[in-house]
Amino acid sequence: MAGITRCVIGCADPITEFASEGASALHSAGVEVIMGVEQEVCEDLIKEYTKLMNTKLQKMARKHFQQTGRPLGFLHCSVVDSEDVHAFANNGNAFGKNFGGKHEMSFRDVRRLVID
C-alpha cells in the first residue's frame, strides 16, 4: 500500500520460530526481499538481544503465550518480620519455624492457604 517494491534485510530474526516470518509476509505481499546483506555486521549488532531472546526462560514464555494467549509472569514475595531479621536471613524467602518466634507456618501451609 505504501508503494515499497524492495526490502533489504541484513539478517533473519534471531528467534528461530520467527526467522522467516517477516520476509515471507513481505514476499507474499509482492515486495522483492533481499536477505543477508552485511549479515555478520547485523548479527554482531544484535548479539546481546539474540542471547537474551533464546534463553530457556524466553522460549518457555513464548510457548506459554502461544498456548494461553497470556504473558508468562512470576510473582515474587519476600516477607520480613521486623522483630526477627536474623530468622529471615536464616530462612531466606520462606516462612520458617522460627520466623519471629510466632509463626509455625511452613511452605506447605502457605500453599494450602493459597489453594483453599
PDB file of N, CA and C in Angstrom:
ATOM      1  N   MET A   1       0.824  -1.198   0.000  1.00  0.00           N
ATOM      2  CA  MET A   1       0.000   0.000   0.000  1.00  0.00           C
ATOM      3  C   MET A   1       0.862   1.253   0.000  1.00  0.00           C
ATOM      4  N   ALA A   2       2.082   1.165   0.572  1.00  0.00           N
ATOM      5  CA  ALA A   2       2.969   2.324   0.623  1.00  0.00           C
ATOM      6  C   ALA A   2       3.789   2.472  -0.646  1.00  0.00           C
ATOM      7  N   GLY A   3       3.721   1.495  -1.529  1.00  0.00           N
ATOM      8  CA  GLY A   3       4.457   1.583  -2.782  1.00  0.00           C
ATOM      9  C   GLY A   3       5.894   1.093  -2.685  1.00  0.00           C
ATOM     10  N   ILE A   4       6.243   0.442  -1.604  1.00  0.00           N
ATOM     11  CA  ILE A   4       7.599  -0.092  -1.448  1.00  0.00           C
ATOM     12  C   ILE A   4       7.708  -1.354  -2.290  1.00  0.00           C
ATOM     13  N   THR A   5       8.724  -1.393  -3.141  1.00  0.00           N
ATOM     14  CA  THR A   5       8.860  -2.537  -4.042  1.00  0.00           C
ATOM     15  C   THR A   5       9.993  -3.473  -3.654  1.00  0.00           C
ATOM     16  N   ARG A   6      10.941  -2.996  -2.832  1.00  0.00           N
ATOM     17  CA  ARG A   6      12.079  -3.831  -2.462  1.00  0.00           C
ATOM     18  C   ARG A   6      12.460  -3.565  -1.008  1.00  0.00           C
ATOM     19  N   CYS A   7      12.806  -4.649  -0.297  1.00  0.00           N
ATOM     20  CA  CYS A   7      13.226  -4.550   1.102  1.00  0.00           C
ATOM     21  C   CYS A   7      14.533  -5.327   1.265  1.00  0.00           C
ATOM     22  N   VAL A   8      15.508  -4.707   1.915  1.00  0.00           N
ATOM     23  CA  VAL A   8      16.794  -5.348   2.159  1.00  0.00           C
ATOM     24  C   VAL A   8      16.877  -5.678   3.646  1.00  0.00           C
ATOM     25  N   ILE A   9      17.116  -6.960   3.951  1.00  0.00           N
ATOM     26  CA  ILE A   9      17.170  -7.428   5.338  1.00  0.00           C
ATOM     27  C   ILE A   9      18.594  -7.908   5.611  1.00  0.00           C
ATOM     28  N   GLY A  10      19.198  -7.381   6.668  1.00  0.00           N
ATOM     29  CA  GLY A  10      20.574  -7.739   6.998  1.00  0.00           C
ATOM     30  C   GLY A  10      20.716  -9.167   7.494  1.00  0.00           C
ATOM     31  N   CYS A  11      19.867  -9.558   8.436  1.00  0.00           N
ATOM     32  CA  CYS A  11      19.905 -10.931   8.946  1.00  0.00           C
ATOM     33  C   CYS A  11      18.501 -11.318   9.390  1.00  0.00           C
ATOM     34  N   ALA A  12      18.301 -12.607   9.466  1.00  0.00           N
ATOM     35  CA  ALA A  12      16.988 -13.116   9.873  1.00  0.00           C
ATOM     36  C   ALA A  12      16.740 -12.817  11.348  1.00  0.00           C
ATOM     37  N   ASP A  13      15.500 -12.891  11.744  1.00  0.00           N
ATOM     38  CA  ASP A  13      15.129 -12.719  13.149  1.00  0.00           C
ATOM     39  C   ASP A  13      15.872 -13.766  13.974  1.00  0.00           C
ATOM     40  N   PRO A  14      16.522 -13.356  15.064  1.00  0.00           N
ATOM     41  CA  PRO A  14      17.283 -14.325  15.863  1.00  0.00           C
ATOM     42  C   PRO A  14      16.419 -15.328  16.621  1.00  0.00           C
ATOM     43  N   ILE A  15      15.134 -15.083  16.707  1.00  0.00           N
ATOM     44  CA  ILE A  15      14.218 -16.035  17.333  1.00  0.00           C
ATOM     45  C   ILE A  15      13.867 -17.058  16.266  1.00  0.00           C
ATOM     46  N   THR A  16      14.348 -18.271  16.448  1.00  0.00           N
ATOM     47  CA  THR A  16      14.255 -19.275  15.386  1.00  0.00           C
ATOM     48  C   THR A  16      12.834 -19.515  14.882  1.00  0.00           C
ATOM     49  N   GLU A  17      11.840 -19.448  15.768  1.00  0.00           N
ATOM     50  CA  GLU A  17      10.452 -19.661  15.324  1.00  0.00           C
ATOM     51  C   GLU A  17       9.968 -18.575  14.373  1.00  0.00           C
ATOM     52  N   PHE A  18      10.564 -17.394  14.462  1.00  0.00           N
ATOM     53  CA  PHE A  18      10.111 -16.260  13.656  1.00  0.00           C
ATOM     54  C   PHE A  18      11.103 -15.877  12.560  1.00  0.00           C
ATOM     55  N   ALA A  19      12.144 -16.672  12.365  1.00  0.00           N
ATOM     56  CA  ALA A  19      13.257 -16.299  11.492  1.00  0.00           C
ATOM     57  C   ALA A  19      12.836 -15.867  10.094  1.00  0.00           C
ATOM     58  N   SER A  20      11.849 -16.497   9.517  1.00  0.00           N
ATOM     59  CA  SER A  20      11.491 -16.153   8.134  1.00  0.00           C
ATOM     60  C   SER A  20      10.105 -15.531   7.997  1.00  0.00           C
ATOM     61  N   GLU A  21       9.421 -15.310   9.104  1.00  0.00           N
ATOM     62  CA  GLU A  21       8.042 -14.796   9.007  1.00  0.00           C
ATOM     63  C   GLU A  21       7.953 -13.429   8.352  1.00  0.00           C
ATOM     64  N   GLY A  22       8.804 -12.496   8.765  1.00  0.00           N
ATOM     65  CA  GLY A  22       8.751 -11.144   8.209  1.00  0.00           C
ATOM     66  C   GLY A  22       9.042 -11.120   6.726  1.00  0.00           C
ATOM     67  N   ALA A  23      10.117 -11.814   6.341  1.00  0.00           N
ATOM     68  CA  ALA A  23      10.487 -11.854   4.927  1.00  0.00           C
ATOM     69  C   ALA A  23       9.395 -12.546   4.101  1.00  0.00           C
ATOM     70  N   SER A  24       8.812 -13.604   4.641  1.00  0.00           N
ATOM     71  CA  SER A  24       7.745 -14.316   3.924  1.00  0.00           C
ATOM     72  C   SER A  24       6.520 -13.431   3.727  1.00  0.00           C
ATOM     73  N   ALA A  25       6.166 -12.676   4.774  1.00  0.00           N
ATOM     74  CA  ALA A  25       4.998 -11.782   4.665  1.00  0.00           C
ATOM     75  C   ALA A  25       5.237 -10.706   3.612  1.00  0.00           C
ATOM     76  N   LEU A  26       6.444 -10.160   3.593  1.00  0.00           N
ATOM     77  CA  LEU A  26       6.761  -9.140   2.580  1.00  0.00           C
ATOM     78  C   LEU A  26       6.740  -9.737   1.177  1.00  0.00           C
ATOM     79  N   HIS A  27       7.335 -10.901   1.031  1.00  0.00           N
ATOM     80  CA  HIS A  27       7.364 -11.567  -0.278  1.00  0.00           C
ATOM     81  C   HIS A  27       5.948 -11.885  -0.755  1.00  0.00           C
ATOM     82  N   SER A  28       5.119 -12.362   0.158  1.00  0.00           N
ATOM     83  CA  SER A  28       3.721 -12.667  -0.189  1.00  0.00           C
ATOM     84  C   SER A  28       2.948 -11.431  -0.620  1.00  0.00           C
ATOM     85  N   ALA A  29       3.355 -10.282  -0.108  1.00  0.00           N
ATOM     86  CA  ALA A  29       2.686  -9.028  -0.458  1.00  0.00           C
ATOM     87  C   ALA A  29       3.232  -8.437  -1.759  1.00  0.00           C
ATOM     88  N   GLY A  30       4.178  -9.147  -2.390  1.00  0.00           N
ATOM     89  CA  GLY A  30       4.696  -8.680  -3.675  1.00  0.00           C
ATOM     90  C   GLY A  30       5.936  -7.814  -3.571  1.00  0.00           C
ATOM     91  N   VAL A  31       6.538  -7.753  -2.404  1.00  0.00           N
ATOM     92  CA  VAL A  31       7.754  -6.949  -2.214  1.00  0.00           C
ATOM     93  C   VAL A  31       8.960  -7.839  -2.499  1.00  0.00           C
ATOM     94  N   GLU A  32       9.917  -7.322  -3.268  1.00  0.00           N
ATOM     95  CA  GLU A  32      11.160  -8.049  -3.514  1.00  0.00           C
ATOM     96  C   GLU A  32      11.973  -8.020  -2.216  1.00  0.00           C
ATOM     97  N   VAL A  33      12.409  -9.190  -1.748  1.00  0.00           N
ATOM     98  CA  VAL A  33      13.137  -9.286  -0.484  1.00  0.00           C
ATOM     99  C   VAL A  33      14.556  -9.772  -0.757  1.00  0.00           C
ATOM    100  N   ILE A  34      15.532  -9.016  -0.287  1.00  0.00           N
ATOM    101  CA  ILE A  34      16.936  -9.394  -0.389  1.00  0.00           C
ATOM    102  C   ILE A  34      17.445  -9.591   1.030  1.00  0.00           C
ATOM    103  N   MET A  35      17.920 -10.796   1.333  1.00  0.00           N
ATOM    104  CA  MET A  35      18.375 -11.108   2.695  1.00  0.00           C
ATOM    105  C   MET A  35      19.874 -11.334   2.734  1.00  0.00           C
ATOM    106  N   GLY A  36      20.457 -11.075   3.914  1.00  0.00           N
ATOM    107  CA  GLY A  36      21.850 -11.407   4.163  1.00  0.00           C
ATOM    108  C   GLY A  36      22.850 -10.334   3.787  1.00  0.00           C
ATOM    109  N   VAL A  37      22.404  -9.116   3.538  1.00  0.00           N
ATOM    110  CA  VAL A  37      23.325  -8.035   3.211  1.00  0.00           C
ATOM    111  C   VAL A  37      24.011  -7.585   4.509  1.00  0.00           C
ATOM    112  N   GLU A  38      25.353  -7.659   4.519  1.00  0.00           N
ATOM    113  CA  GLU A  38      26.132  -7.333   5.727  1.00  0.00           C
ATOM    114  C   GLU A  38      25.651  -8.159   6.918  1.00  0.00           C
ATOM    115  N   GLN A  39      25.405  -9.424   6.683  1.00  0.00           N
ATOM    116  CA  GLN A  39      24.823 -10.310   7.696  1.00  0.00           C
ATOM    117  C   GLN A  39      25.661 -10.371   8.970  1.00  0.00           C
ATOM    118  N   GLU A  40      26.965 -10.535   8.845  1.00  0.00           N
ATOM    119  CA  GLU A  40      27.821 -10.638  10.036  1.00  0.00           C
ATOM    120  C   GLU A  40      27.777  -9.368  10.878  1.00  0.00           C
ATOM    121  N   VAL A  41      27.783  -8.227  10.216  1.00  0.00           N
ATOM    122  CA  VAL A  41      27.720  -6.943  10.929  1.00  0.00           C
ATOM    123  C   VAL A  41      26.387  -6.821  11.660  1.00  0.00           C
ATOM    124  N   CYS A  42      25.307  -7.184  10.979  1.00  0.00           N
ATOM    125  CA  CYS A  42      23.977  -7.104  11.588  1.00  0.00           C
ATOM    126  C   CYS A  42      23.845  -8.059  12.780  1.00  0.00           C
ATOM    127  N   GLU A  43      24.352  -9.280  12.615  1.00  0.00           N
ATOM    128  CA  GLU A  43      24.287 -10.240  13.712  1.00  0.00           C
ATOM    129  C   GLU A  43      25.102  -9.766  14.905  1.00  0.00           C
ATOM    130  N   ASP A  44      26.227  -9.104  14.639  1.00  0.00           N
ATOM    131  CA  ASP A  44      27.051  -8.563  15.720  1.00  0.00           C
ATOM    132  C   ASP A  44      26.310  -7.450  16.469  1.00  0.00           C
ATOM    133  N   LEU A  45      25.532  -6.659  15.743  1.00  0.00           N
ATOM    134  CA  LEU A  45      24.767  -5.571  16.370  1.00  0.00           C
ATOM    135  C   LEU A  45      23.723  -6.086  17.351  1.00  0.00           C
ATOM    136  N   ILE A  46      23.158  -7.256  17.067  1.00  0.00           N
ATOM    137  CA  ILE A  46      22.070  -7.772  17.901  1.00  0.00           C
ATOM    138  C   ILE A  46      22.472  -8.996  18.716  1.00  0.00           C
ATOM    139  N   LYS A  47      23.766  -9.226  18.909  1.00  0.00           N
ATOM    140  CA  LYS A  47      24.193 -10.454  19.587  1.00  0.00           C
ATOM    141  C   LYS A  47      23.692 -10.543  21.028  1.00  0.00           C
ATOM    142  N   GLU A  48      23.641  -9.433  21.759  1.00  0.00           N
ATOM    143  CA  GLU A  48      23.128  -9.468  23.137  1.00  0.00           C
ATOM    144  C   GLU A  48      21.632  -9.771  23.149  1.00  0.00           C
ATOM    145  N   TYR A  49      20.904  -9.156  22.233  1.00  0.00           N
ATOM    146  CA  TYR A  49      19.470  -9.425  22.101  1.00  0.00           C
ATOM    147  C   TYR A  49      19.242 -10.898  21.744  1.00  0.00           C
ATOM    148  N   THR A  50      20.077 -11.422  20.842  1.00  0.00           N
ATOM    149  CA  THR A  50      19.955 -12.825  20.428  1.00  0.00           C
ATOM    150  C   THR A  50      20.139 -13.756  21.619  1.00  0.00           C
ATOM    151  N   LYS A  51      21.149 -13.476  22.448  1.00  0.00           N
ATOM    152  CA  LYS A  51      21.382 -14.305  23.648  1.00  0.00           C
ATOM    153  C   LYS A  51      20.174 -14.263  24.571  1.00  0.00           C
ATOM    154  N   LEU A  52      19.658 -13.068  24.806  1.00  0.00           N
ATOM    155  CA  LEU A  52      18.513 -12.899  25.706  1.00  0.00           C
ATOM    156  C   LEU A  52      17.270 -13.610  25.177  1.00  0.00           C
ATOM    157  N   MET A  53      16.976 -13.447  23.901  1.00  0.00           N
ATOM    158  CA  MET A  53      15.736 -13.980  23.341  1.00  0.00           C
ATOM    159  C   MET A  53      15.753 -15.492  23.146  1.00  0.00           C
ATOM    160  N   ASN A  54      16.922 -16.103  23.206  1.00  0.00           N
ATOM    161  CA  ASN A  54      16.995 -17.546  23.010  1.00  0.00           C
ATOM    162  C   ASN A  54      17.312 -18.299  24.299  1.00  0.00           C
ATOM    163  N   THR A  55      17.091 -17.660  25.438  1.00  0.00           N
ATOM    164  CA  THR A  55      17.266 -18.350  26.709  1.00  0.00           C
ATOM    165  C   THR A  55      16.084 -19.306  26.924  1.00  0.00           C
ATOM    166  N   LYS A  56      16.281 -20.250  27.797  1.00  0.00           N
ATOM    167  CA  LYS A  56      15.224 -21.229  28.088  1.00  0.00           C
ATOM    168  C   LYS A  56      13.965 -20.532  28.618  1.00  0.00           C
ATOM    169  N   LEU A  57      14.147 -19.514  29.458  1.00  0.00           N
ATOM    170  CA  LEU A  57      13.000 -18.791  30.021  1.00  0.00           C
ATOM    171  C   LEU A  57      12.201 -18.071  28.932  1.00  0.00           C
ATOM    172  N   GLN A  58      12.892 -17.426  28.003  1.00  0.00           N
ATOM    173  CA  GLN A  58      12.189 -16.718  26.923  1.00  0.00           C
ATOM    174  C   GLN A  58      11.439 -17.686  26.023  1.00  0.00           C
ATOM    175  N   LYS A  59      12.052 -18.836  25.742  1.00  0.00           N
ATOM    176  CA  LYS A  59      11.374 -19.841  24.917  1.00  0.00           C
ATOM    177  C   LYS A  59      10.125 -20.354  25.628  1.00  0.00           C
ATOM    178  N   MET A  60      10.255 -20.575  26.926  1.00  0.00           N
ATOM    179  CA  MET A  60       9.120 -21.040  27.722  1.00  0.00           C
ATOM    180  C   MET A  60       8.008 -19.984  27.730  1.00  0.00           C
ATOM    181  N   ALA A  61       8.386 -18.716  27.842  1.00  0.00           N
ATOM    182  CA  ALA A  61       7.400 -17.629  27.861  1.00  0.00           C
ATOM    183  C   ALA A  61       6.666 -17.539  26.518  1.00  0.00           C
ATOM    184  N   ARG A  62       7.400 -17.690  25.417  1.00  0.00           N
ATOM    185  CA  ARG A  62       6.751 -17.651  24.093  1.00  0.00           C
ATOM    186  C   ARG A  62       5.790 -18.823  23.921  1.00  0.00           C
ATOM    187  N   LYS A  63       6.206 -20.007  24.371  1.00  0.00           N
ATOM    188  CA  LYS A  63       5.342 -21.186  24.262  1.00  0.00           C
ATOM    189  C   LYS A  63       4.079 -20.998  25.108  1.00  0.00           C
ATOM    190  N   HIS A  64       4.250 -20.472  26.316  1.00  0.00           N
ATOM    191  CA  HIS A  64       3.100 -20.215  27.194  1.00  0.00           C
ATOM    192  C   HIS A  64       2.129 -19.235  26.534  1.00  0.00           C
ATOM    193  N   PHE A  65       2.666 -18.177  25.941  1.00  0.00           N
ATOM    194  CA  PHE A  65       1.809 -17.185  25.285  1.00  0.00           C
ATOM    195  C   PHE A  65       1.073 -17.806  24.104  1.00  0.00           C
ATOM    196  N   GLN A  66       1.775 -18.652  23.350  1.00  0.00           N
ATOM    197  CA  GLN A  66       1.137 -19.331  22.218  1.00  0.00           C
ATOM    198  C   GLN A  66      -0.020 -20.208  22.671  1.00  0.00           C
ATOM    199  N   GLN A  67       0.169 -20.915  23.782  1.00  0.00           N
ATOM    200  CA  GLN A  67      -0.841 -21.850  24.258  1.00  0.00           C
ATOM    201  C   GLN A  67      -2.009 -21.162  24.955  1.00  0.00           C
ATOM    202  N   THR A  68      -1.735 -20.073  25.695  1.00  0.00           N
ATOM    203  CA  THR A  68      -2.777 -19.473  26.520  1.00  0.00           C
ATOM    204  C   THR A  68      -3.243 -18.099  26.053  1.00  0.00           C
ATOM    205  N   GLY A  69      -2.413 -17.424  25.258  1.00  0.00           N
ATOM    206  CA  GLY A  69      -2.739 -16.051  24.863  1.00  0.00           C
ATOM    207  C   GLY A  69      -2.442 -15.047  25.964  1.00  0.00           C
ATOM    208  N   ARG A  70      -1.787 -15.510  27.021  1.00  0.00           N
ATOM    209  CA  ARG A  70      -1.448 -14.629  28.145  1.00  0.00           C
ATOM    210  C   ARG A  70       0.056 -14.635  28.363  1.00  0.00           C
ATOM    211  N   PRO A  71       0.606 -13.509  28.812  1.00  0.00           N
ATOM    212  CA  PRO A  71       2.048 -13.482  29.084  1.00  0.00           C
ATOM    213  C   PRO A  71       2.388 -14.316  30.311  1.00  0.00           C
ATOM    214  N   LEU A  72       3.600 -14.829  30.326  1.00  0.00           N
ATOM    215  CA  LEU A  72       4.090 -15.588  31.469  1.00  0.00           C
ATOM    216  C   LEU A  72       4.578 -14.593  32.508  1.00  0.00           C
ATOM    217  N   GLY A  73       4.113 -14.744  33.731  1.00  0.00           N
ATOM    218  CA  GLY A  73       4.525 -13.830  34.795  1.00  0.00           C
ATOM    219  C   GLY A  73       4.965 -14.587  36.018  1.00  0.00           C
ATOM    220  N   PHE A  74       5.758 -13.939  36.816  1.00  0.00           N
ATOM    221  CA  PHE A  74       6.241 -14.532  38.050  1.00  0.00           C
ATOM    222  C   PHE A  74       5.887 -13.608  39.200  1.00  0.00           C
ATOM    223  N   LEU A  75       5.491 -14.197  40.292  1.00  0.00           N
ATOM    224  CA  LEU A  75       5.207 -13.432  41.495  1.00  0.00           C
ATOM    225  C   LEU A  75       6.285 -13.754  42.500  1.00  0.00           C
ATOM    226  N   HIS A  76       6.930 -12.738  42.990  1.00  0.00           N
ATOM    227  CA  HIS A  76       7.974 -12.934  43.995  1.00  0.00           C
ATOM    228  C   HIS A  76       7.573 -12.146  45.233  1.00  0.00           C
ATOM    229  N   CYS A  77       7.588 -12.801  46.354  1.00  0.00           N
ATOM    230  CA  CYS A  77       7.196 -12.151  47.593  1.00  0.00           C
ATOM    231  C   CYS A  77       8.258 -12.415  48.648  1.00  0.00           C
ATOM    232  N   SER A  78       8.719 -11.367  49.258  1.00  0.00           N
ATOM    233  CA  SER A  78       9.660 -11.510  50.365  1.00  0.00           C
ATOM    234  C   SER A  78       8.969 -11.016  51.621  1.00  0.00           C
ATOM    235  N   VAL A  79       9.039 -11.802  52.657  1.00  0.00           N
ATOM    236  CA  VAL A  79       8.388 -11.446  53.910  1.00  0.00           C
ATOM    237  C   VAL A  79       9.457 -11.254  54.968  1.00  0.00           C
ATOM    238  N   VAL A  80       9.441 -10.109  55.609  1.00  0.00           N
ATOM    239  CA  VAL A  80      10.395  -9.850  56.680  1.00  0.00           C
ATOM    240  C   VAL A  80       9.603  -9.511  57.939  1.00  0.00           C
ATOM    241  N   ASP A  81       9.842 -10.274  58.977  1.00  0.00           N
ATOM    242  CA  ASP A  81       9.241  -9.993  60.272  1.00  0.00           C
ATOM    243  C   ASP A  81      10.161  -8.990  60.954  1.00  0.00           C
ATOM    244  N   SER A  82       9.681  -7.789  61.149  1.00  0.00           N
ATOM    245  CA  SER A  82      10.541  -6.734  61.674  1.00  0.00           C
ATOM    246  C   SER A  82      11.108  -7.055  63.047  1.00  0.00           C
ATOM    247  N   GLU A  83      10.512  -8.005  63.760  1.00  0.00           N
ATOM    248  CA  GLU A  83      11.012  -8.345  65.079  1.00  0.00           C
ATOM    249  C   GLU A  83      12.158  -9.353  65.024  1.00  0.00           C
ATOM    250  N   ASP A  84      12.338 -10.030  63.883  1.00  0.00           N
ATOM    251  CA  ASP A  84      13.370 -11.056  63.824  1.00  0.00           C
ATOM    252  C   ASP A  84      14.006 -11.113  62.437  1.00  0.00           C
ATOM    253  N   VAL A  85      14.879 -10.165  62.141  1.00  0.00           N
ATOM    254  CA  VAL A  85      15.554 -10.108  60.855  1.00  0.00           C
ATOM    255  C   VAL A  85      16.512 -11.281  60.696  1.00  0.00           C
ATOM    256  N   HIS A  86      17.076 -11.780  61.796  1.00  0.00           N
ATOM    257  CA  HIS A  86      18.011 -12.904  61.729  1.00  0.00           C
ATOM    258  C   HIS A  86      17.310 -14.176  61.247  1.00  0.00           C
ATOM    259  N   ALA A  87      16.065 -14.379  61.645  1.00  0.00           N
ATOM    260  CA  ALA A  87      15.322 -15.550  61.171  1.00  0.00           C
ATOM    261  C   ALA A  87      15.124 -15.456  59.661  1.00  0.00           C
ATOM    262  N   PHE A  88      14.862 -14.248  59.167  1.00  0.00           N
ATOM    263  CA  PHE A  88      14.728 -14.055  57.724  1.00  0.00           C
ATOM    264  C   PHE A  88      16.040 -14.394  57.022  1.00  0.00           C
ATOM    265  N   ALA A  89      17.150 -13.941  57.584  1.00  0.00           N
ATOM    266  CA  ALA A  89      18.464 -14.225  56.993  1.00  0.00           C
ATOM    267  C   ALA A  89      18.731 -15.728  56.954  1.00  0.00           C
ATOM    268  N   ASN A  90      18.293 -16.448  57.973  1.00  0.00           N
ATOM    269  CA  ASN A  90      18.499 -17.901  58.021  1.00  0.00           C
ATOM    270  C   ASN A  90      17.582 -18.650  57.066  1.00  0.00           C
ATOM    271  N   ASN A  91      16.367 -18.166  56.876  1.00  0.00           N
ATOM    272  CA  ASN A  91      15.367 -18.905  56.110  1.00  0.00           C
ATOM    273  C   ASN A  91      15.158 -18.398  54.690  1.00  0.00           C
ATOM    274  N   GLY A  92      15.722 -17.267  54.355  1.00  0.00           N
ATOM    275  CA  GLY A  92      15.543 -16.728  53.005  1.00  0.00           C
ATOM    276  C   GLY A  92      14.121 -16.262  52.783  1.00  0.00           C
ATOM    277  N   ASN A  93      13.620 -16.465  51.586  1.00  0.00           N
ATOM    278  CA  ASN A  93      12.284 -16.001  51.216  1.00  0.00           C
ATOM    279  C   ASN A  93      11.229 -17.059  51.529  1.00  0.00           C
ATOM    280  N   ALA A  94      11.236 -17.573  52.743  1.00  0.00           N
ATOM    281  CA  ALA A  94      10.267 -18.603  53.117  1.00  0.00           C
ATOM    282  C   ALA A  94       9.833 -18.375  54.553  1.00  0.00           C
ATOM    283  N   PHE A  95       8.705 -18.930  54.895  1.00  0.00           N
ATOM    284  CA  PHE A  95       8.262 -18.903  56.278  1.00  0.00           C
ATOM    285  C   PHE A  95       8.994 -20.017  57.010  1.00  0.00           C
ATOM    286  N   GLY A  96       9.710 -19.672  58.040  1.00  0.00           N
ATOM    287  CA  GLY A  96      10.440 -20.687  58.784  1.00  0.00           C
ATOM    288  C   GLY A  96       9.782 -20.966  60.118  1.00  0.00           C
ATOM    289  N   LYS A  97      10.153 -22.061  60.713  1.00  0.00           N
ATOM    290  CA  LYS A  97       9.589 -22.438  62.007  1.00  0.00           C
ATOM    291  C   LYS A  97       9.925 -21.412  63.077  1.00  0.00           C
ATOM    292  N   ASN A  98      11.097 -20.780  62.953  1.00  0.00           N
ATOM    293  CA  ASN A  98      11.499 -19.822  63.969  1.00  0.00           C
ATOM    294  C   ASN A  98      11.300 -18.384  63.504  1.00  0.00           C
ATOM    295  N   PHE A  99      10.498 -18.180  62.493  1.00  0.00           N
ATOM    296  CA  PHE A  99      10.336 -16.855  61.908  1.00  0.00           C
ATOM    297  C   PHE A  99       9.607 -15.929  62.877  1.00  0.00           C
ATOM    298  N   GLY A 100      10.336 -15.115  63.563  1.00  0.00           N
ATOM    299  CA  GLY A 100       9.757 -14.183  64.518  1.00  0.00           C
ATOM    300  C   GLY A 100       9.330 -14.846  65.808  1.00  0.00           C
ATOM    301  N   GLY A 101       9.523 -16.151  65.906  1.00  0.00           N
ATOM    302  CA  GLY A 101       9.123 -16.862  67.108  1.00  0.00           C
ATOM    303  C   GLY A 101       7.619 -17.007  67.243  1.00  0.00           C
ATOM    304  N   LYS A 102       6.857 -16.530  66.265  1.00  0.00           N
ATOM    305  CA  LYS A 102       5.394 -16.538  66.374  1.00  0.00           C
ATOM    306  C   LYS A 102       4.742 -17.450  65.345  1.00  0.00           C
ATOM    307  N   HIS A 103       5.330 -17.523  64.160  1.00  0.00           N
ATOM    308  CA  HIS A 103       4.690 -18.252  63.067  1.00  0.00           C
ATOM    309  C   HIS A 103       5.154 -19.696  63.040  1.00  0.00           C
ATOM    310  N   GLU A 104       4.229 -20.587  62.956  1.00  0.00           N
ATOM    311  CA  GLU A 104       4.543 -22.007  62.802  1.00  0.00           C
ATOM    312  C   GLU A 104       4.073 -22.440  61.419  1.00  0.00           C
ATOM    313  N   MET A 105       4.325 -21.595  60.446  1.00  0.00           N
ATOM    314  CA  MET A 105       3.830 -21.842  59.108  1.00  0.00           C
ATOM    315  C   MET A 105       4.973 -22.320  58.219  1.00  0.00           C
ATOM    316  N   SER A 106       4.768 -23.397  57.506  1.00  0.00           N
ATOM    317  CA  SER A 106       5.773 -23.898  56.583  1.00  0.00           C
ATOM    318  C   SER A 106       5.320 -23.565  55.167  1.00  0.00           C
ATOM    319  N   PHE A 107       6.163 -23.866  54.179  1.00  0.00           N
ATOM    320  CA  PHE A 107       5.802 -23.644  52.782  1.00  0.00           C
ATOM    321  C   PHE A 107       4.526 -24.398  52.430  1.00  0.00           C
ATOM    322  N   ARG A 108       4.400 -25.605  52.925  1.00  0.00           N
ATOM    323  CA  ARG A 108       3.221 -26.420  52.633  1.00  0.00           C
ATOM    324  C   ARG A 108       1.950 -25.749  53.158  1.00  0.00           C
ATOM    325  N   ASP A 109       2.023 -25.160  54.362  1.00  0.00           N
ATOM    326  CA  ASP A 109       0.864 -24.478  54.937  1.00  0.00           C
ATOM    327  C   ASP A 109       0.466 -23.271  54.092  1.00  0.00           C
ATOM    328  N   VAL A 110       1.467 -22.524  53.604  1.00  0.00           N
ATOM    329  CA  VAL A 110       1.182 -21.360  52.773  1.00  0.00           C
ATOM    330  C   VAL A 110       0.511 -21.808  51.481  1.00  0.00           C
ATOM    331  N   ARG A 111       1.009 -22.881  50.891  1.00  0.00           N
ATOM    332  CA  ARG A 111       0.419 -23.395  49.669  1.00  0.00           C
ATOM    333  C   ARG A 111      -1.037 -23.807  49.894  1.00  0.00           C
ATOM    334  N   ARG A 112      -1.308 -24.455  51.015  1.00  0.00           N
ATOM    335  CA  ARG A 112      -2.669 -24.873  51.337  1.00  0.00           C
ATOM    336  C   ARG A 112      -3.584 -23.655  51.474  1.00  0.00           C
ATOM    337  N   LEU A 113      -3.074 -22.581  52.083  1.00  0.00           N
ATOM    338  CA  LEU A 113      -3.873 -21.371  52.222  1.00  0.00           C
ATOM    339  C   LEU A 113      -4.224 -20.780  50.862  1.00  0.00           C
ATOM    340  N   VAL A 114      -3.270 -20.788  49.944  1.00  0.00           N
ATOM    341  CA  VAL A 114      -3.492 -20.229  48.610  1.00  0.00           C
ATOM    342  C   VAL A 114      -4.469 -21.092  47.825  1.00  0.00           C
ATOM    343  N   ILE A 115      -4.319 -22.409  47.905  1.00  0.00           N
ATOM    344  CA  ILE A 115      -5.185 -23.304  47.139  1.00  0.00           C
ATOM    345  C   ILE A 115      -6.594 -23.326  47.714  1.00  0.00           C
ATOM    346  N   ASP A 116      -6.706 -23.383  49.033  1.00  0.00           N
ATOM    347  CA  ASP A 116      -8.041 -23.404  49.662  1.00  0.00           C
ATOM    348  C   ASP A 116      -8.682 -22.056  49.503  1.00  0.00           C
TER     349      ASP A 116
END
